[in-house]
PDB file of N, CA and C in Angstrom:
ATOM      1  N   MET A   1       0.813  -1.187   0.000  1.00  0.00           N
ATOM      2  CA  MET A   1       0.000   0.000   0.000  1.00  0.00           C
ATOM      3  C   MET A   1       0.857   1.251   0.000  1.00  0.00           C
ATOM      4  N   TYR A   2       1.920   1.244   0.770  1.00  0.00           N
ATOM      5  CA  TYR A   2       2.744   2.441   0.857  1.00  0.00           C
ATOM      6  C   TYR A   2       3.484   2.702  -0.449  1.00  0.00           C
ATOM      7  N   LEU A   3       3.833   1.649  -1.157  1.00  0.00           N
ATOM      8  CA  LEU A   3       4.512   1.824  -2.425  1.00  0.00           C
ATOM      9  C   LEU A   3       3.591   2.491  -3.441  1.00  0.00           C
ATOM     10  N   ARG A   4       2.329   2.111  -3.441  1.00  0.00           N
ATOM     11  CA  ARG A   4       1.369   2.725  -4.362  1.00  0.00           C
ATOM     12  C   ARG A   4       1.213   4.208  -4.070  1.00  0.00           C
ATOM     13  N   ASN A   5       1.097   4.552  -2.803  1.00  0.00           N
ATOM     14  CA  ASN A   5       0.948   5.954  -2.439  1.00  0.00           C
ATOM     15  C   ASN A   5       2.186   6.752  -2.795  1.00  0.00           C
ATOM     16  N   SER A   6       3.354   6.200  -2.546  1.00  0.00           N
ATOM     17  CA  SER A   6       4.577   6.926  -2.847  1.00  0.00           C
ATOM     18  C   SER A   6       4.764   7.101  -4.348  1.00  0.00           C
ATOM     19  N   GLU A   7       4.351   6.119  -5.144  1.00  0.00           N
ATOM     20  CA  GLU A   7       4.423   6.274  -6.595  1.00  0.00           C
ATOM     21  C   GLU A   7       3.524   7.406  -7.067  1.00  0.00           C
ATOM     22  N   MET A   8       2.338   7.496  -6.515  1.00  0.00           N
ATOM     23  CA  MET A   8       1.420   8.551  -6.926  1.00  0.00           C
ATOM     24  C   MET A   8       1.900   9.927  -6.458  1.00  0.00           C
ATOM     25  N   ILE A   9       2.464   9.995  -5.270  1.00  0.00           N
ATOM     26  CA  ILE A   9       2.984  11.280  -4.776  1.00  0.00           C
ATOM     27  C   ILE A   9       4.125  11.752  -5.660  1.00  0.00           C
ATOM     28  N   LEU A  10       5.029  10.842  -6.006  1.00  0.00           N
ATOM     29  CA  LEU A  10       6.122  11.217  -6.901  1.00  0.00           C
ATOM     30  C   LEU A  10       5.606  11.595  -8.280  1.00  0.00           C
ATOM     31  N   TYR A  11       4.606  10.876  -8.764  1.00  0.00           N
ATOM     32  CA  TYR A  11       4.024  11.215 -10.063  1.00  0.00           C
ATOM     33  C   TYR A  11       3.445  12.622 -10.051  1.00  0.00           C
ATOM     34  N   PHE A  12       2.692  12.967  -9.010  1.00  0.00           N
ATOM     35  CA  PHE A  12       2.101  14.299  -8.935  1.00  0.00           C
ATOM     36  C   PHE A  12       3.167  15.373  -8.779  1.00  0.00           C
ATOM     37  N   TYR A  13       4.214  15.066  -8.040  1.00  0.00           N
ATOM     38  CA  TYR A  13       5.298  16.026  -7.862  1.00  0.00           C
ATOM     39  C   TYR A  13       5.965  16.334  -9.198  1.00  0.00           C
ATOM     40  N   TYR A  14       6.335  15.293  -9.931  1.00  0.00           N
ATOM     41  CA  TYR A  14       7.016  15.511 -11.201  1.00  0.00           C
ATOM     42  C   TYR A  14       6.084  16.080 -12.261  1.00  0.00           C
ATOM     43  N   LYS A  15       4.810  15.743 -12.211  1.00  0.00           N
ATOM     44  CA  LYS A  15       3.837  16.322 -13.146  1.00  0.00           C
ATOM     45  C   LYS A  15       3.754  17.829 -12.947  1.00  0.00           C
ATOM     46  N   ASN A  16       3.638  18.260 -11.701  1.00  0.00           N
ATOM     47  CA  ASN A  16       3.557  19.692 -11.427  1.00  0.00           C
ATOM     48  C   ASN A  16       4.890  20.390 -11.668  1.00  0.00           C
ATOM     49  N   PHE A  17       5.979  19.694 -11.422  1.00  0.00           N
ATOM     50  CA  PHE A  17       7.299  20.250 -11.694  1.00  0.00           C
ATOM     51  C   PHE A  17       7.474  20.499 -13.191  1.00  0.00           C
ATOM     52  N   ALA A  18       7.070  19.534 -14.017  1.00  0.00           N
ATOM     53  CA  ALA A  18       7.175  19.678 -15.466  1.00  0.00           C
ATOM     54  C   ALA A  18       6.217  20.739 -15.998  1.00  0.00           C
ATOM     55  N   PHE A  19       5.180  21.035 -15.260  1.00  0.00           N
ATOM     56  CA  PHE A  19       4.218  22.035 -15.687  1.00  0.00           C
ATOM     57  C   PHE A  19       4.655  23.446 -15.302  1.00  0.00           C
ATOM     58  N   THR A  20       5.329  23.616 -14.175  1.00  0.00           N
ATOM     59  CA  THR A  20       5.666  24.956 -13.707  1.00  0.00           C
ATOM     60  C   THR A  20       7.023  25.461 -14.177  1.00  0.00           C
ATOM     61  N   ILE A  21       7.960  24.583 -14.462  1.00  0.00           N
ATOM     62  CA  ILE A  21       9.275  25.039 -14.916  1.00  0.00           C
ATOM     63  C   ILE A  21       9.195  25.804 -16.236  1.00  0.00           C
ATOM     64  N   PRO A  22       8.472  25.325 -17.265  1.00  0.00           N
ATOM     65  CA  PRO A  22       8.354  26.147 -18.477  1.00  0.00           C
ATOM     66  C   PRO A  22       7.668  27.499 -18.220  1.00  0.00           C
ATOM     67  N   GLN A  23       6.721  27.522 -17.290  1.00  0.00           N
ATOM     68  CA  GLN A  23       6.068  28.788 -16.946  1.00  0.00           C
ATOM     69  C   GLN A  23       7.060  29.751 -16.305  1.00  0.00           C
ATOM     70  N   PHE A  24       7.923  29.239 -15.448  1.00  0.00           N
ATOM     71  CA  PHE A  24       8.933  30.077 -14.814  1.00  0.00           C
ATOM     72  C   PHE A  24       9.935  30.599 -15.844  1.00  0.00           C
ATOM     73  N   ILE A  25      10.364  29.747 -16.760  1.00  0.00           N
ATOM     74  CA  ILE A  25      11.300  30.175 -17.801  1.00  0.00           C
ATOM     75  C   ILE A  25      10.649  31.211 -18.708  1.00  0.00           C
ATOM     76  N   PHE A  26       9.392  31.014 -19.049  1.00  0.00           N
ATOM     77  CA  PHE A  26       8.659  31.996 -19.861  1.00  0.00           C
ATOM     78  C   PHE A  26       8.519  33.311 -19.113  1.00  0.00           C
ATOM     79  N   GLY A  27       8.269  33.245 -17.820  1.00  0.00           N
ATOM     80  CA  GLY A  27       8.187  34.464 -17.019  1.00  0.00           C
ATOM     81  C   GLY A  27       9.504  35.208 -16.988  1.00  0.00           C
ATOM     82  N   TRP A  28      10.601  34.485 -16.906  1.00  0.00           N
ATOM     83  CA  TRP A  28      11.920  35.108 -16.939  1.00  0.00           C
ATOM     84  C   TRP A  28      12.156  35.789 -18.292  1.00  0.00           C
ATOM     85  N   TYR A  29      11.753  35.120 -19.353  1.00  0.00           N
ATOM     86  CA  TYR A  29      11.914  35.659 -20.702  1.00  0.00           C
ATOM     87  C   TYR A  29      11.063  36.910 -20.907  1.00  0.00           C
ATOM     88  N   CYS A  30       9.871  36.955 -20.316  1.00  0.00           N
ATOM     89  CA  CYS A  30       8.957  38.090 -20.474  1.00  0.00           C
ATOM     90  C   CYS A  30       9.085  39.100 -19.339  1.00  0.00           C
ATOM     91  N   ALA A  31      10.184  39.066 -18.605  1.00  0.00           N
ATOM     92  CA  ALA A  31      10.468  40.005 -17.518  1.00  0.00           C
ATOM     93  C   ALA A  31       9.390  39.950 -16.425  1.00  0.00           C
ATOM     94  N   PHE A  32       8.855  38.772 -16.183  1.00  0.00           N
ATOM     95  CA  PHE A  32       7.843  38.542 -15.139  1.00  0.00           C
ATOM     96  C   PHE A  32       6.678  39.534 -15.246  1.00  0.00           C
ATOM     97  N   SER A  33       6.160  39.657 -16.460  1.00  0.00           N
ATOM     98  CA  SER A  33       5.074  40.604 -16.716  1.00  0.00           C
ATOM     99  C   SER A  33       3.707  40.077 -16.286  1.00  0.00           C
ATOM    100  N   GLY A  34       3.604  38.823 -15.947  1.00  0.00           N
ATOM    101  CA  GLY A  34       2.328  38.255 -15.520  1.00  0.00           C
ATOM    102  C   GLY A  34       1.606  37.501 -16.613  1.00  0.00           C
ATOM    103  N   THR A  35       2.121  37.513 -17.818  1.00  0.00           N
ATOM    104  CA  THR A  35       1.488  36.729 -18.880  1.00  0.00           C
ATOM    105  C   THR A  35       1.793  35.252 -18.669  1.00  0.00           C
ATOM    106  N   SER A  36       0.868  34.448 -19.107  1.00  0.00           N
ATOM    107  CA  SER A  36       1.011  33.010 -18.911  1.00  0.00           C
ATOM    108  C   SER A  36       1.296  32.331 -20.241  1.00  0.00           C
ATOM    109  N   ILE A  37       2.130  31.336 -20.181  1.00  0.00           N
ATOM    110  CA  ILE A  37       2.434  30.572 -21.389  1.00  0.00           C
ATOM    111  C   ILE A  37       1.278  29.629 -21.723  1.00  0.00           C
ATOM    112  N   TRP A  38       0.510  29.241 -20.714  1.00  0.00           N
ATOM    113  CA  TRP A  38      -0.569  28.275 -20.893  1.00  0.00           C
ATOM    114  C   TRP A  38      -1.918  28.990 -20.970  1.00  0.00           C
ATOM    115  N   ASP A  39      -2.765  28.498 -21.826  1.00  0.00           N
ATOM    116  CA  ASP A  39      -4.139  28.969 -21.890  1.00  0.00           C
ATOM    117  C   ASP A  39      -4.914  28.391 -20.709  1.00  0.00           C
ATOM    118  N   ASP A  40      -5.972  29.064 -20.283  1.00  0.00           N
ATOM    119  CA  ASP A  40      -6.738  28.596 -19.131  1.00  0.00           C
ATOM    120  C   ASP A  40      -7.341  27.207 -19.364  1.00  0.00           C
ATOM    121  N   TYR A  41      -7.800  26.961 -20.569  1.00  0.00           N
ATOM    122  CA  TYR A  41      -8.358  25.641 -20.866  1.00  0.00           C
ATOM    123  C   TYR A  41      -7.285  24.561 -20.797  1.00  0.00           C
ATOM    124  N   TYR A  42      -6.073  24.897 -21.231  1.00  0.00           N
ATOM    125  CA  TYR A  42      -4.998  23.921 -21.181  1.00  0.00           C
ATOM    126  C   TYR A  42      -4.655  23.554 -19.743  1.00  0.00           C
ATOM    127  N   VAL A  43      -4.665  24.539 -18.870  1.00  0.00           N
ATOM    128  CA  VAL A  43      -4.386  24.268 -17.456  1.00  0.00           C
ATOM    129  C   VAL A  43      -5.445  23.328 -16.882  1.00  0.00           C
ATOM    130  N   SER A  44      -6.697  23.590 -17.193  1.00  0.00           N
ATOM    131  CA  SER A  44      -7.783  22.741 -16.678  1.00  0.00           C
ATOM    132  C   SER A  44      -7.696  21.322 -17.225  1.00  0.00           C
ATOM    133  N   PHE A  45      -7.492  21.193 -18.524  1.00  0.00           N
ATOM    134  CA  PHE A  45      -7.429  19.865 -19.119  1.00  0.00           C
ATOM    135  C   PHE A  45      -6.155  19.122 -18.744  1.00  0.00           C
ATOM    136  N   PHE A  46      -5.062  19.850 -18.545  1.00  0.00           N
ATOM    137  CA  PHE A  46      -3.832  19.209 -18.100  1.00  0.00           C
ATOM    138  C   PHE A  46      -4.052  18.541 -16.757  1.00  0.00           C
ATOM    139  N   ASN A  47      -4.631  19.260 -15.820  1.00  0.00           N
ATOM    140  CA  ASN A  47      -4.887  18.677 -14.503  1.00  0.00           C
ATOM    141  C   ASN A  47      -5.934  17.570 -14.566  1.00  0.00           C
ATOM    142  N   LEU A  48      -6.926  17.724 -15.400  1.00  0.00           N
ATOM    143  CA  LEU A  48      -7.948  16.682 -15.528  1.00  0.00           C
ATOM    144  C   LEU A  48      -7.363  15.408 -16.122  1.00  0.00           C
ATOM    145  N   ILE A  49      -6.636  15.544 -17.199  1.00  0.00           N
ATOM    146  CA  ILE A  49      -6.123  14.372 -17.909  1.00  0.00           C
ATOM    147  C   ILE A  49      -4.970  13.721 -17.160  1.00  0.00           C
ATOM    148  N   PHE A  50      -3.996  14.511 -16.743  1.00  0.00           N
ATOM    149  CA  PHE A  50      -2.804  13.926 -16.144  1.00  0.00           C
ATOM    150  C   PHE A  50      -2.957  13.646 -14.658  1.00  0.00           C
ATOM    151  N   THR A  51      -4.101  13.972 -14.086  1.00  0.00           N
ATOM    152  CA  THR A  51      -4.341  13.619 -12.692  1.00  0.00           C
ATOM    153  C   THR A  51      -5.335  12.467 -12.582  1.00  0.00           C
ATOM    154  N   SER A  52      -6.400  12.505 -13.337  1.00  0.00           N
ATOM    155  CA  SER A  52      -7.433  11.487 -13.165  1.00  0.00           C
ATOM    156  C   SER A  52      -7.167  10.213 -13.962  1.00  0.00           C
ATOM    157  N   ILE A  53      -6.710  10.328 -15.179  1.00  0.00           N
ATOM    158  CA  ILE A  53      -6.547   9.144 -16.017  1.00  0.00           C
ATOM    159  C   ILE A  53      -5.477   8.185 -15.486  1.00  0.00           C
ATOM    160  N   PRO A  54      -4.280   8.656 -15.093  1.00  0.00           N
ATOM    161  CA  PRO A  54      -3.315   7.685 -14.533  1.00  0.00           C
ATOM    162  C   PRO A  54      -3.809   7.004 -13.261  1.00  0.00           C
ATOM    163  N   LEU A  55      -4.572   7.720 -12.445  1.00  0.00           N
ATOM    164  CA  LEU A  55      -5.127   7.090 -11.252  1.00  0.00           C
ATOM    165  C   LEU A  55      -6.128   5.998 -11.612  1.00  0.00           C
ATOM    166  N   MET A  56      -6.979   6.275 -12.581  1.00  0.00           N
ATOM    167  CA  MET A  56      -7.962   5.272 -12.986  1.00  0.00           C
ATOM    168  C   MET A  56      -7.288   4.066 -13.618  1.00  0.00           C
ATOM    169  N   VAL A  57      -6.290   4.292 -14.461  1.00  0.00           N
ATOM    170  CA  VAL A  57      -5.581   3.179 -15.099  1.00  0.00           C
ATOM    171  C   VAL A  57      -4.859   2.340 -14.050  1.00  0.00           C
ATOM    172  N   LYS A  58      -4.212   3.000 -13.116  1.00  0.00           N
ATOM    173  CA  LYS A  58      -3.488   2.268 -12.066  1.00  0.00           C
ATOM    174  C   LYS A  58      -4.467   1.477 -11.197  1.00  0.00           C
ATOM    175  N   ALA A  59      -5.605   2.078 -10.879  1.00  0.00           N
ATOM    176  CA  ALA A  59      -6.587   1.385 -10.045  1.00  0.00           C
ATOM    177  C   ALA A  59      -7.214   0.203 -10.771  1.00  0.00           C
ATOM    178  N   LEU A  60      -7.418   0.317 -12.068  1.00  0.00           N
ATOM    179  CA  LEU A  60      -8.044  -0.775 -12.812  1.00  0.00           C
ATOM    180  C   LEU A  60      -7.083  -1.922 -13.123  1.00  0.00           C
ATOM    181  N   LEU A  61      -5.826  -1.609 -13.393  1.00  0.00           N
ATOM    182  CA  LEU A  61      -4.901  -2.639 -13.842  1.00  0.00           C
ATOM    183  C   LEU A  61      -4.064  -3.261 -12.740  1.00  0.00           C
ATOM    184  N   GLU A  62      -3.941  -2.606 -11.609  1.00  0.00           N
ATOM    185  CA  GLU A  62      -3.099  -3.136 -10.556  1.00  0.00           C
ATOM    186  C   GLU A  62      -3.915  -4.033  -9.628  1.00  0.00           C
ATOM    187  N   HIS A  63      -3.320  -5.102  -9.222  1.00  0.00           N
ATOM    188  CA  HIS A  63      -3.968  -6.005  -8.276  1.00  0.00           C
ATOM    189  C   HIS A  63      -2.916  -6.598  -7.355  1.00  0.00           C
ATOM    190  N   ASP A  64      -3.364  -7.067  -6.254  1.00  0.00           N
ATOM    191  CA  ASP A  64      -2.459  -7.675  -5.267  1.00  0.00           C
ATOM    192  C   ASP A  64      -2.040  -9.057  -5.747  1.00  0.00           C
ATOM    193  N   ILE A  65      -0.834  -9.419  -5.386  1.00  0.00           N
ATOM    194  CA  ILE A  65      -0.317 -10.741  -5.719  1.00  0.00           C
ATOM    195  C   ILE A  65      -0.384 -11.596  -4.461  1.00  0.00           C
ATOM    196  N   HIS A  66      -1.033 -12.720  -4.559  1.00  0.00           N
ATOM    197  CA  HIS A  66      -1.126 -13.646  -3.446  1.00  0.00           C
ATOM    198  C   HIS A  66      -0.195 -14.822  -3.725  1.00  0.00           C
ATOM    199  N   TYR A  67       0.781 -14.970  -2.898  1.00  0.00           N
ATOM    200  CA  TYR A  67       1.744 -16.034  -3.055  1.00  0.00           C
ATOM    201  C   TYR A  67       1.254 -17.316  -2.384  1.00  0.00           C
ATOM    202  N   LYS A  68       1.534 -18.429  -3.014  1.00  0.00           N
ATOM    203  CA  LYS A  68       1.250 -19.715  -2.400  1.00  0.00           C
ATOM    204  C   LYS A  68       2.523 -20.208  -1.724  1.00  0.00           C
ATOM    205  N   TYR A  69       2.396 -20.597  -0.485  1.00  0.00           N
ATOM    206  CA  TYR A  69       3.519 -21.145   0.242  1.00  0.00           C
ATOM    207  C   TYR A  69       3.399 -22.656   0.267  1.00  0.00           C
ATOM    208  N   ASP A  70       4.484 -23.350  -0.009  1.00  0.00           N
ATOM    209  CA  ASP A  70       4.478 -24.805  -0.054  1.00  0.00           C
ATOM    210  C   ASP A  70       4.539 -25.447   1.324  1.00  0.00           C
ATOM    211  N   SER A  71       4.845 -24.702   2.353  1.00  0.00           N
ATOM    212  CA  SER A  71       4.990 -25.322   3.660  1.00  0.00           C
ATOM    213  C   SER A  71       3.697 -25.517   4.379  1.00  0.00           C
TER     214      SER A  71
END
């Protein structure tokens, strides 16, 4: 259980990291004028797609492994 949670936490961390670094670089390029590199719809769909779909896929495809012991 803890491995699943840690995988998802790392996934969300790197997803948000990959989303904000280009915004920071764009802000540096535009002298931090407040303009955004991303459209509002893109921000909404990015969070919807890259947050909900991997969770659903992981929940549907992952299952516990039950080992048989010979003893």
